Amino acid sequence: MGTALFNTVATAATAATAAYPRDRGTDVTSATVHGCGVGLLVATGIMLLAALVATVLLRPRGTHGA
């Protein structure tokens, strides 16, 4: 599911950038690079959020015994 999500985000960003090449002065290659960059940023954000949740939920409890 993760790969499909990131592929969808990257494809949507690529399509949005490529849809207006005259307005933005971009070509297909630049749109593809932009889409992959957006996908990477989304993946990074999700991974940081997952690390934060894991850190909060998986705190070690107090030591038992001596």
N, C-alpha and C. Protein backbone atom coordinates (compact mmCIF):
# COMPACT_ATOMS: atom_id res chain seq x y z
N MET A 1 0.82 -1.18 0.00
CA MET A 1 0.00 0.00 0.00
C MET A 1 0.87 1.26 0.00
N GLY A 2 2.01 1.23 0.67
CA GLY A 2 2.87 2.40 0.73
C GLY A 2 3.38 2.82 -0.63
N THR A 3 3.83 1.86 -1.41
CA THR A 3 4.35 2.17 -2.74
C THR A 3 3.25 2.74 -3.62
N ALA A 4 2.07 2.19 -3.53
CA ALA A 4 0.95 2.69 -4.33
C ALA A 4 0.59 4.12 -3.94
N LEU A 5 0.63 4.41 -2.65
CA LEU A 5 0.33 5.77 -2.18
C LEU A 5 1.34 6.77 -2.70
N PHE A 6 2.62 6.45 -2.58
CA PHE A 6 3.65 7.37 -3.02
C PHE A 6 3.66 7.52 -4.54
N ASN A 7 3.36 6.45 -5.25
CA ASN A 7 3.27 6.52 -6.70
C ASN A 7 2.11 7.42 -7.11
N THR A 8 1.00 7.32 -6.41
CA THR A 8 -0.16 8.16 -6.71
C THR A 8 0.15 9.63 -6.46
N VAL A 9 0.82 9.92 -5.36
CA VAL A 9 1.19 11.31 -5.04
C VAL A 9 2.15 11.85 -6.10
N ALA A 10 3.17 11.06 -6.45
CA ALA A 10 4.14 11.51 -7.45
C ALA A 10 3.49 11.70 -8.81
N THR A 11 2.60 10.80 -9.18
CA THR A 11 1.92 10.91 -10.47
C THR A 11 1.01 12.14 -10.50
N ALA A 12 0.31 12.39 -9.42
CA ALA A 12 -0.57 13.56 -9.36
C ALA A 12 0.23 14.85 -9.45
N ALA A 13 1.36 14.91 -8.74
CA ALA A 13 2.19 16.11 -8.80
C ALA A 13 2.80 16.29 -10.18
N THR A 14 3.18 15.20 -10.81
CA THR A 14 3.74 15.27 -12.17
C THR A 14 2.69 15.76 -13.15
N ALA A 15 1.48 15.20 -13.04
CA ALA A 15 0.40 15.61 -13.95
C ALA A 15 0.02 17.07 -13.75
N ALA A 16 0.00 17.51 -12.50
CA ALA A 16 -0.35 18.90 -12.22
C ALA A 16 0.70 19.85 -12.79
N THR A 17 1.97 19.47 -12.69
CA THR A 17 3.04 20.32 -13.21
C THR A 17 3.07 20.29 -14.73
N ALA A 18 2.83 19.13 -15.32
CA ALA A 18 2.90 19.00 -16.78
C ALA A 18 1.67 19.58 -17.46
N ALA A 19 0.59 19.78 -16.71
CA ALA A 19 -0.65 20.26 -17.31
C ALA A 19 -0.55 21.71 -17.77
N TYR A 20 0.32 22.48 -17.18
CA TYR A 20 0.44 23.90 -17.52
C TYR A 20 1.87 24.26 -17.89
N PRO A 21 2.43 23.63 -18.93
CA PRO A 21 3.84 23.91 -19.26
C PRO A 21 4.07 25.33 -19.75
N ARG A 22 3.09 25.92 -20.42
CA ARG A 22 3.29 27.28 -20.91
C ARG A 22 3.30 28.29 -19.76
N ASP A 23 2.44 28.08 -18.78
CA ASP A 23 2.36 29.01 -17.67
C ASP A 23 3.59 28.93 -16.77
N ARG A 24 4.10 27.72 -16.58
CA ARG A 24 5.20 27.52 -15.65
C ARG A 24 6.55 27.40 -16.35
N GLY A 25 6.54 27.30 -17.65
CA GLY A 25 7.80 27.20 -18.37
C GLY A 25 8.54 25.89 -18.10
N THR A 26 7.80 24.80 -17.93
CA THR A 26 8.43 23.52 -17.63
C THR A 26 8.20 22.54 -18.78
N ASP A 27 9.01 21.51 -18.81
CA ASP A 27 8.81 20.44 -19.77
C ASP A 27 8.48 19.16 -19.02
N VAL A 28 8.34 18.07 -19.73
CA VAL A 28 7.95 16.80 -19.11
C VAL A 28 9.01 16.31 -18.14
N THR A 29 10.27 16.49 -18.46
CA THR A 29 11.34 16.03 -17.57
C THR A 29 11.29 16.79 -16.25
N SER A 30 11.14 18.08 -16.30
CA SER A 30 11.05 18.88 -15.07
C SER A 30 9.82 18.50 -14.26
N ALA A 31 8.73 18.21 -14.94
CA ALA A 31 7.51 17.81 -14.25
C ALA A 31 7.71 16.47 -13.54
N THR A 32 8.41 15.54 -14.18
CA THR A 32 8.67 14.24 -13.57
C THR A 32 9.56 14.38 -12.35
N VAL A 33 10.58 15.18 -12.45
CA VAL A 33 11.47 15.41 -11.31
C VAL A 33 10.70 16.06 -10.16
N HIS A 34 9.86 17.02 -10.48
CA HIS A 34 9.05 17.67 -9.46
C HIS A 34 8.12 16.66 -8.78
N GLY A 35 7.49 15.80 -9.57
CA GLY A 35 6.58 14.80 -9.01
C GLY A 35 7.29 13.84 -8.08
N CYS A 36 8.48 13.40 -8.47
CA CYS A 36 9.25 12.50 -7.61
C CYS A 36 9.69 13.21 -6.34
N GLY A 37 10.03 14.47 -6.44
CA GLY A 37 10.42 15.25 -5.26
C GLY A 37 9.26 15.40 -4.28
N VAL A 38 8.08 15.66 -4.80
CA VAL A 38 6.90 15.77 -3.94
C VAL A 38 6.60 14.43 -3.28
N GLY A 39 6.71 13.35 -4.04
CA GLY A 39 6.51 12.02 -3.48
C GLY A 39 7.50 11.72 -2.36
N LEU A 40 8.74 12.12 -2.56
CA LEU A 40 9.77 11.91 -1.54
C LEU A 40 9.48 12.74 -0.28
N LEU A 41 9.03 13.96 -0.45
CA LEU A 41 8.68 14.79 0.70
C LEU A 41 7.50 14.20 1.49
N VAL A 42 6.51 13.69 0.78
CA VAL A 42 5.38 13.07 1.46
C VAL A 42 5.84 11.82 2.21
N ALA A 43 6.68 11.01 1.57
CA ALA A 43 7.19 9.81 2.23
C ALA A 43 8.01 10.16 3.47
N THR A 44 8.81 11.20 3.38
CA THR A 44 9.62 11.63 4.51
C THR A 44 8.73 12.10 5.66
N GLY A 45 7.70 12.85 5.34
CA GLY A 45 6.77 13.31 6.36
C GLY A 45 6.06 12.17 7.06
N ILE A 46 5.64 11.18 6.30
CA ILE A 46 4.96 10.03 6.89
C ILE A 46 5.92 9.24 7.77
N MET A 47 7.14 9.06 7.33
CA MET A 47 8.12 8.32 8.13
C MET A 47 8.46 9.07 9.42
N LEU A 48 8.59 10.39 9.37
CA LEU A 48 8.85 11.16 10.58
C LEU A 48 7.67 11.08 11.55
N LEU A 49 6.46 11.13 11.02
CA LEU A 49 5.28 11.00 11.87
C LEU A 49 5.24 9.61 12.51
N ALA A 50 5.56 8.58 11.73
CA ALA A 50 5.57 7.21 12.27
C ALA A 50 6.63 7.07 13.36
N ALA A 51 7.80 7.68 13.16
CA ALA A 51 8.85 7.62 14.17
C ALA A 51 8.43 8.34 15.45
N LEU A 52 7.75 9.45 15.32
CA LEU A 52 7.25 10.18 16.48
C LEU A 52 6.22 9.36 17.25
N VAL A 53 5.30 8.77 16.53
CA VAL A 53 4.28 7.93 17.17
C VAL A 53 4.92 6.75 17.87
N ALA A 54 5.88 6.10 17.22
CA ALA A 54 6.57 4.96 17.83
C ALA A 54 7.34 5.38 19.07
N THR A 55 7.97 6.53 19.04
CA THR A 55 8.72 7.02 20.19
C THR A 55 7.80 7.28 21.38
N VAL A 56 6.66 7.87 21.11
CA VAL A 56 5.72 8.18 22.19
C VAL A 56 5.08 6.91 22.74
N LEU A 57 4.70 6.00 21.87
CA LEU A 57 3.97 4.82 22.32
C LEU A 57 4.86 3.71 22.86
N LEU A 58 6.11 3.67 22.47
CA LEU A 58 6.98 2.57 22.87
C LEU A 58 8.03 2.99 23.89
N ARG A 59 7.68 3.89 24.79
CA ARG A 59 8.61 4.29 25.84
C ARG A 59 8.85 3.12 26.78
N PRO A 60 10.07 2.95 27.22
CA PRO A 60 10.31 1.89 28.20
C PRO A 60 9.68 2.25 29.54
N ARG A 61 9.16 1.26 30.19
CA ARG A 61 8.55 1.48 31.50
C ARG A 61 9.63 1.45 32.56
N GLY A 62 9.27 1.80 33.74
CA GLY A 62 10.23 1.80 34.86
C GLY A 62 10.85 0.42 35.05
N THR A 63 12.07 0.41 35.58
CA THR A 63 12.76 -0.87 35.79
C THR A 63 12.14 -1.62 36.95
N HIS A 64 12.10 -2.91 36.85
CA HIS A 64 11.56 -3.77 37.89
C HIS A 64 12.72 -4.40 38.66
N GLY A 65 12.62 -4.50 39.91
CA GLY A 65 13.66 -5.14 40.70
C GLY A 65 14.69 -4.15 41.19
N ALA A 66 15.84 -4.67 41.52
CA ALA A 66 16.91 -3.87 42.12
C ALA A 66 17.44 -2.94 41.10
